[in-house]
Amino acid sequence: MTLLFFPDWTNGLPSDFLILHFFVGAVIFPFNMIHAKARSIDAQNPQEAANGYKNSDNSTYFGYEEIK
């Protein structure tokens, strides 16, 4: 099955295989970590999450800013 997606596998480590792992490590893994943290903060503060953190302390940036 791997040879179907990485035909150069028999000639050593293919470059597209390395690019795929770099993409997973550099993009998907950090996105999952940030998304999980944001969901846990929203789960701890469901009322604040419902109104977009408008009543929260302005000294901390949550990523939700009202455009004026």
PDB file of N, CA and C in Angstrom:
ATOM      1  N   MET A   1       0.824  -1.197   0.000  1.00  0.00           N
ATOM      2  CA  MET A   1       0.000   0.000   0.000  1.00  0.00           C
ATOM      3  C   MET A   1       0.864   1.255   0.000  1.00  0.00           C
ATOM      4  N   THR A   2       1.982   1.218   0.730  1.00  0.00           N
ATOM      5  CA  THR A   2       2.856   2.386   0.782  1.00  0.00           C
ATOM      6  C   THR A   2       3.445   2.687  -0.586  1.00  0.00           C
ATOM      7  N   LEU A   3       3.776   1.659  -1.355  1.00  0.00           N
ATOM      8  CA  LEU A   3       4.347   1.866  -2.684  1.00  0.00           C
ATOM      9  C   LEU A   3       3.372   2.549  -3.631  1.00  0.00           C
ATOM     10  N   LEU A   4       2.086   2.427  -3.355  1.00  0.00           N
ATOM     11  CA  LEU A   4       1.090   3.087  -4.190  1.00  0.00           C
ATOM     12  C   LEU A   4       1.213   4.608  -4.080  1.00  0.00           C
ATOM     13  N   PHE A   5       1.463   5.103  -2.871  1.00  0.00           N
ATOM     14  CA  PHE A   5       1.559   6.545  -2.658  1.00  0.00           C
ATOM     15  C   PHE A   5       2.992   7.055  -2.730  1.00  0.00           C
ATOM     16  N   PHE A   6       3.962   6.203  -2.448  1.00  0.00           N
ATOM     17  CA  PHE A   6       5.375   6.583  -2.454  1.00  0.00           C
ATOM     18  C   PHE A   6       6.157   5.610  -3.332  1.00  0.00           C
ATOM     19  N   PRO A   7       6.140   5.790  -4.654  1.00  0.00           N
ATOM     20  CA  PRO A   7       6.785   4.818  -5.549  1.00  0.00           C
ATOM     21  C   PRO A   7       8.301   4.775  -5.419  1.00  0.00           C
ATOM     22  N   ASP A   8       8.935   5.822  -4.869  1.00  0.00           N
ATOM     23  CA  ASP A   8      10.396   5.831  -4.706  1.00  0.00           C
ATOM     24  C   ASP A   8      10.837   5.121  -3.436  1.00  0.00           C
ATOM     25  N   TRP A   9       9.925   4.488  -2.728  1.00  0.00           N
ATOM     26  CA  TRP A   9      10.247   3.862  -1.441  1.00  0.00           C
ATOM     27  C   TRP A   9      11.351   2.824  -1.566  1.00  0.00           C
ATOM     28  N   THR A  10      11.418   2.140  -2.686  1.00  0.00           N
ATOM     29  CA  THR A  10      12.430   1.095  -2.868  1.00  0.00           C
ATOM     30  C   THR A  10      13.826   1.676  -3.084  1.00  0.00           C
ATOM     31  N   ASN A  11      13.945   2.963  -3.431  1.00  0.00           N
ATOM     32  CA  ASN A  11      15.238   3.600  -3.686  1.00  0.00           C
ATOM     33  C   ASN A  11      15.722   4.404  -2.481  1.00  0.00           C
ATOM     34  N   GLY A  12      15.262   4.106  -1.314  1.00  0.00           N
ATOM     35  CA  GLY A  12      15.622   4.872  -0.129  1.00  0.00           C
ATOM     36  C   GLY A  12      14.433   5.660   0.383  1.00  0.00           C
ATOM     37  N   LEU A  13      14.695   6.601   1.253  1.00  0.00           N
ATOM     38  CA  LEU A  13      13.622   7.400   1.838  1.00  0.00           C
ATOM     39  C   LEU A  13      13.145   8.438   0.831  1.00  0.00           C
ATOM     40  N   PRO A  14      11.883   8.401   0.414  1.00  0.00           N
ATOM     41  CA  PRO A  14      11.404   9.331  -0.610  1.00  0.00           C
ATOM     42  C   PRO A  14      11.212  10.740  -0.050  1.00  0.00           C
ATOM     43  N   SER A  15      11.422  11.727  -0.900  1.00  0.00           N
ATOM     44  CA  SER A  15      11.293  13.117  -0.465  1.00  0.00           C
ATOM     45  C   SER A  15       9.841  13.466  -0.136  1.00  0.00           C
ATOM     46  N   ASP A  16       8.883  12.909  -0.885  1.00  0.00           N
ATOM     47  CA  ASP A  16       7.486  13.229  -0.606  1.00  0.00           C
ATOM     48  C   ASP A  16       7.044  12.646   0.739  1.00  0.00           C
ATOM     49  N   PHE A  17       7.662  11.547   1.140  1.00  0.00           N
ATOM     50  CA  PHE A  17       7.371  10.983   2.459  1.00  0.00           C
ATOM     51  C   PHE A  17       7.860  11.919   3.564  1.00  0.00           C
ATOM     52  N   LEU A  18       9.037  12.505   3.357  1.00  0.00           N
ATOM     53  CA  LEU A  18       9.570  13.465   4.330  1.00  0.00           C
ATOM     54  C   LEU A  18       8.727  14.731   4.366  1.00  0.00           C
ATOM     55  N   ILE A  19       8.285  15.193   3.202  1.00  0.00           N
ATOM     56  CA  ILE A  19       7.436  16.384   3.149  1.00  0.00           C
ATOM     57  C   ILE A  19       6.119  16.130   3.871  1.00  0.00           C
ATOM     58  N   LEU A  20       5.553  14.943   3.702  1.00  0.00           N
ATOM     59  CA  LEU A  20       4.313  14.597   4.395  1.00  0.00           C
ATOM     60  C   LEU A  20       4.502  14.632   5.913  1.00  0.00           C
ATOM     61  N   HIS A  21       5.600  14.067   6.392  1.00  0.00           N
ATOM     62  CA  HIS A  21       5.843  14.080   7.830  1.00  0.00           C
ATOM     63  C   HIS A  21       6.129  15.481   8.345  1.00  0.00           C
ATOM     64  N   PHE A  22       6.815  16.302   7.553  1.00  0.00           N
ATOM     65  CA  PHE A  22       7.037  17.684   7.954  1.00  0.00           C
ATOM     66  C   PHE A  22       5.712  18.424   8.060  1.00  0.00           C
ATOM     67  N   PHE A  23       4.803  18.199   7.101  1.00  0.00           N
ATOM     68  CA  PHE A  23       3.502  18.862   7.128  1.00  0.00           C
ATOM     69  C   PHE A  23       2.709  18.461   8.368  1.00  0.00           C
ATOM     70  N   VAL A  24       2.715  17.176   8.688  1.00  0.00           N
ATOM     71  CA  VAL A  24       1.996  16.695   9.877  1.00  0.00           C
ATOM     72  C   VAL A  24       2.592  17.317  11.129  1.00  0.00           C
ATOM     73  N   GLY A  25       3.922  17.356  11.210  1.00  0.00           N
ATOM     74  CA  GLY A  25       4.573  17.883  12.402  1.00  0.00           C
ATOM     75  C   GLY A  25       4.495  19.383  12.521  1.00  0.00           C
ATOM     76  N   ALA A  26       4.540  20.100  11.404  1.00  0.00           N
ATOM     77  CA  ALA A  26       4.600  21.561  11.443  1.00  0.00           C
ATOM     78  C   ALA A  26       3.228  22.220  11.370  1.00  0.00           C
ATOM     79  N   VAL A  27       2.220  21.535  10.851  1.00  0.00           N
ATOM     80  CA  VAL A  27       0.910  22.162  10.661  1.00  0.00           C
ATOM     81  C   VAL A  27      -0.179  21.448  11.457  1.00  0.00           C
ATOM     82  N   ILE A  28      -0.358  20.177  11.234  1.00  0.00           N
ATOM     83  CA  ILE A  28      -1.494  19.466  11.816  1.00  0.00           C
ATOM     84  C   ILE A  28      -1.346  19.289  13.320  1.00  0.00           C
ATOM     85  N   PHE A  29      -0.173  18.890  13.798  1.00  0.00           N
ATOM     86  CA  PHE A  29       0.024  18.663  15.230  1.00  0.00           C
ATOM     87  C   PHE A  29      -0.153  19.949  16.057  1.00  0.00           C
ATOM     88  N   PRO A  30       0.480  21.073  15.685  1.00  0.00           N
ATOM     89  CA  PRO A  30       0.236  22.308  16.455  1.00  0.00           C
ATOM     90  C   PRO A  30      -1.211  22.777  16.376  1.00  0.00           C
ATOM     91  N   PHE A  31      -1.855  22.619  15.209  1.00  0.00           N
ATOM     92  CA  PHE A  31      -3.255  23.009  15.095  1.00  0.00           C
ATOM     93  C   PHE A  31      -4.118  22.205  16.059  1.00  0.00           C
ATOM     94  N   ASN A  32      -3.870  20.896  16.147  1.00  0.00           N
ATOM     95  CA  ASN A  32      -4.629  20.062  17.080  1.00  0.00           C
ATOM     96  C   ASN A  32      -4.407  20.494  18.524  1.00  0.00           C
ATOM     97  N   MET A  33      -3.178  20.843  18.882  1.00  0.00           N
ATOM     98  CA  MET A  33      -2.895  21.285  20.248  1.00  0.00           C
ATOM     99  C   MET A  33      -3.623  22.588  20.572  1.00  0.00           C
ATOM    100  N   ILE A  34      -3.561  23.564  19.660  1.00  0.00           N
ATOM    101  CA  ILE A  34      -4.227  24.852  19.875  1.00  0.00           C
ATOM    102  C   ILE A  34      -5.736  24.669  19.928  1.00  0.00           C
ATOM    103  N   HIS A  35      -6.275  23.853  19.038  1.00  0.00           N
ATOM    104  CA  HIS A  35      -7.716  23.619  18.998  1.00  0.00           C
ATOM    105  C   HIS A  35      -8.197  22.929  20.280  1.00  0.00           C
ATOM    106  N   ALA A  36      -7.440  21.957  20.761  1.00  0.00           N
ATOM    107  CA  ALA A  36      -7.824  21.265  21.999  1.00  0.00           C
ATOM    108  C   ALA A  36      -7.789  22.219  23.191  1.00  0.00           C
ATOM    109  N   LYS A  37      -6.791  23.089  23.260  1.00  0.00           N
ATOM    110  CA  LYS A  37      -6.710  24.058  24.362  1.00  0.00           C
ATOM    111  C   LYS A  37      -7.870  25.045  24.296  1.00  0.00           C
ATOM    112  N   ALA A  38      -8.195  25.514  23.101  1.00  0.00           N
ATOM    113  CA  ALA A  38      -9.316  26.454  22.952  1.00  0.00           C
ATOM    114  C   ALA A  38     -10.635  25.800  23.355  1.00  0.00           C
ATOM    115  N   ARG A  39     -10.827  24.539  22.983  1.00  0.00           N
ATOM    116  CA  ARG A  39     -12.062  23.851  23.368  1.00  0.00           C
ATOM    117  C   ARG A  39     -12.129  23.626  24.871  1.00  0.00           C
ATOM    118  N   SER A  40     -10.984  23.361  25.509  1.00  0.00           N
ATOM    119  CA  SER A  40     -11.002  23.156  26.960  1.00  0.00           C
ATOM    120  C   SER A  40     -11.298  24.470  27.687  1.00  0.00           C
ATOM    121  N   ILE A  41     -10.777  25.579  27.185  1.00  0.00           N
ATOM    122  CA  ILE A  41     -11.090  26.885  27.788  1.00  0.00           C
ATOM    123  C   ILE A  41     -12.566  27.209  27.602  1.00  0.00           C
ATOM    124  N   ASP A  42     -13.103  26.928  26.410  1.00  0.00           N
ATOM    125  CA  ASP A  42     -14.531  27.159  26.180  1.00  0.00           C
ATOM    126  C   ASP A  42     -15.393  26.258  27.057  1.00  0.00           C
ATOM    127  N   ALA A  43     -14.944  25.033  27.323  1.00  0.00           N
ATOM    128  CA  ALA A  43     -15.708  24.115  28.178  1.00  0.00           C
ATOM    129  C   ALA A  43     -15.707  24.587  29.622  1.00  0.00           C
ATOM    130  N   GLN A  44     -14.611  25.232  30.047  1.00  0.00           N
ATOM    131  CA  GLN A  44     -14.544  25.750  31.417  1.00  0.00           C
ATOM    132  C   GLN A  44     -15.370  27.018  31.581  1.00  0.00           C
ATOM    133  N   ASN A  45     -15.566  27.765  30.501  1.00  0.00           N
ATOM    134  CA  ASN A  45     -16.303  29.035  30.546  1.00  0.00           C
ATOM    135  C   ASN A  45     -17.406  29.045  29.493  1.00  0.00           C
ATOM    136  N   PRO A  46     -18.432  28.211  29.648  1.00  0.00           N
ATOM    137  CA  PRO A  46     -19.448  28.122  28.585  1.00  0.00           C
ATOM    138  C   PRO A  46     -20.232  29.417  28.388  1.00  0.00           C
ATOM    139  N   GLN A  47     -20.478  30.158  29.474  1.00  0.00           N
ATOM    140  CA  GLN A  47     -21.237  31.399  29.342  1.00  0.00           C
ATOM    141  C   GLN A  47     -20.427  32.455  28.597  1.00  0.00           C
ATOM    142  N   GLU A  48     -19.135  32.548  28.906  1.00  0.00           N
ATOM    143  CA  GLU A  48     -18.267  33.502  28.212  1.00  0.00           C
ATOM    144  C   GLU A  48     -18.105  33.116  26.743  1.00  0.00           C
ATOM    145  N   ALA A  49     -17.991  31.841  26.464  1.00  0.00           N
ATOM    146  CA  ALA A  49     -17.845  31.388  25.084  1.00  0.00           C
ATOM    147  C   ALA A  49     -19.103  31.706  24.279  1.00  0.00           C
ATOM    148  N   ALA A  50     -20.270  31.650  24.929  1.00  0.00           N
ATOM    149  CA  ALA A  50     -21.531  31.908  24.238  1.00  0.00           C
ATOM    150  C   ALA A  50     -21.635  33.359  23.780  1.00  0.00           C
ATOM    151  N   ASN A  51     -21.081  34.287  24.561  1.00  0.00           N
ATOM    152  CA  ASN A  51     -21.181  35.694  24.161  1.00  0.00           C
ATOM    153  C   ASN A  51     -19.891  36.223  23.560  1.00  0.00           C
ATOM    154  N   GLY A  52     -18.967  35.349  23.209  1.00  0.00           N
ATOM    155  CA  GLY A  52     -17.748  35.753  22.518  1.00  0.00           C
ATOM    156  C   GLY A  52     -16.728  36.427  23.412  1.00  0.00           C
ATOM    157  N   TYR A  53     -16.734  36.110  24.696  1.00  0.00           N
ATOM    158  CA  TYR A  53     -15.783  36.660  25.678  1.00  0.00           C
ATOM    159  C   TYR A  53     -15.838  38.186  25.743  1.00  0.00           C
ATOM    160  N   LYS A  54     -17.011  38.782  25.521  1.00  0.00           N
ATOM    161  CA  LYS A  54     -17.135  40.238  25.552  1.00  0.00           C
ATOM    162  C   LYS A  54     -17.054  40.792  26.966  1.00  0.00           C
ATOM    163  N   ASN A  55     -17.439  40.006  27.980  1.00  0.00           N
ATOM    164  CA  ASN A  55     -17.434  40.487  29.362  1.00  0.00           C
ATOM    165  C   ASN A  55     -16.190  40.080  30.128  1.00  0.00           C
ATOM    166  N   SER A  56     -15.230  39.485  29.445  1.00  0.00           N
ATOM    167  CA  SER A  56     -14.039  39.002  30.142  1.00  0.00           C
ATOM    168  C   SER A  56     -13.046  40.135  30.356  1.00  0.00           C
ATOM    169  N   ASP A  57     -12.020  39.852  31.136  1.00  0.00           N
ATOM    170  CA  ASP A  57     -10.976  40.821  31.435  1.00  0.00           C
ATOM    171  C   ASP A  57     -10.222  41.167  30.153  1.00  0.00           C
ATOM    172  N   ASN A  58     -10.087  42.449  29.863  1.00  0.00           N
ATOM    173  CA  ASN A  58      -9.455  42.875  28.615  1.00  0.00           C
ATOM    174  C   ASN A  58      -7.934  42.813  28.650  1.00  0.00           C
ATOM    175  N   SER A  59      -7.357  42.511  29.788  1.00  0.00           N
ATOM    176  CA  SER A  59      -5.899  42.430  29.860  1.00  0.00           C
ATOM    177  C   SER A  59      -5.372  41.126  29.257  1.00  0.00           C
ATOM    178  N   THR A  60      -6.242  40.150  29.066  1.00  0.00           N
ATOM    179  CA  THR A  60      -5.861  38.873  28.468  1.00  0.00           C
ATOM    180  C   THR A  60      -6.520  38.751  27.107  1.00  0.00           C
ATOM    181  N   TYR A  61      -5.743  38.374  26.113  1.00  0.00           N
ATOM    182  CA  TYR A  61      -6.270  38.231  24.753  1.00  0.00           C
ATOM    183  C   TYR A  61      -6.640  36.771  24.505  1.00  0.00           C
ATOM    184  N   PHE A  62      -7.907  36.516  24.214  1.00  0.00           N
ATOM    185  CA  PHE A  62      -8.387  35.168  23.963  1.00  0.00           C
ATOM    186  C   PHE A  62      -8.507  34.860  22.465  1.00  0.00           C
ATOM    187  N   GLY A  63      -8.268  35.843  21.630  1.00  0.00           N
ATOM    188  CA  GLY A  63      -8.430  35.629  20.197  1.00  0.00           C
ATOM    189  C   GLY A  63      -9.780  36.038  19.691  1.00  0.00           C
ATOM    190  N   TYR A  64     -10.619  36.549  20.560  1.00  0.00           N
ATOM    191  CA  TYR A  64     -11.945  37.006  20.159  1.00  0.00           C
ATOM    192  C   TYR A  64     -12.002  38.510  20.398  1.00  0.00           C
ATOM    193  N   GLU A  65     -11.911  39.276  19.349  1.00  0.00           N
ATOM    194  CA  GLU A  65     -12.007  40.721  19.481  1.00  0.00           C
ATOM    195  C   GLU A  65     -13.157  41.213  18.614  1.00  0.00           C
ATOM    196  N   GLU A  66     -13.926  42.114  19.172  1.00  0.00           N
ATOM    197  CA  GLU A  66     -15.033  42.686  18.438  1.00  0.00           C
ATOM    198  C   GLU A  66     -14.513  43.768  17.495  1.00  0.00           C
ATOM    199  N   ILE A  67     -14.873  43.681  16.246  1.00  0.00           N
ATOM    200  CA  ILE A  67     -14.439  44.678  15.257  1.00  0.00           C
ATOM    201  C   ILE A  67     -15.353  45.883  15.362  1.00  0.00           C
ATOM    202  N   LYS A  68     -14.743  47.044  15.529  1.00  0.00           N
ATOM    203  CA  LYS A  68     -15.554  48.266  15.683  1.00  0.00           C
ATOM    204  C   LYS A  68     -15.399  49.148  14.475  1.00  0.00           C
TER     205      LYS A  68
END
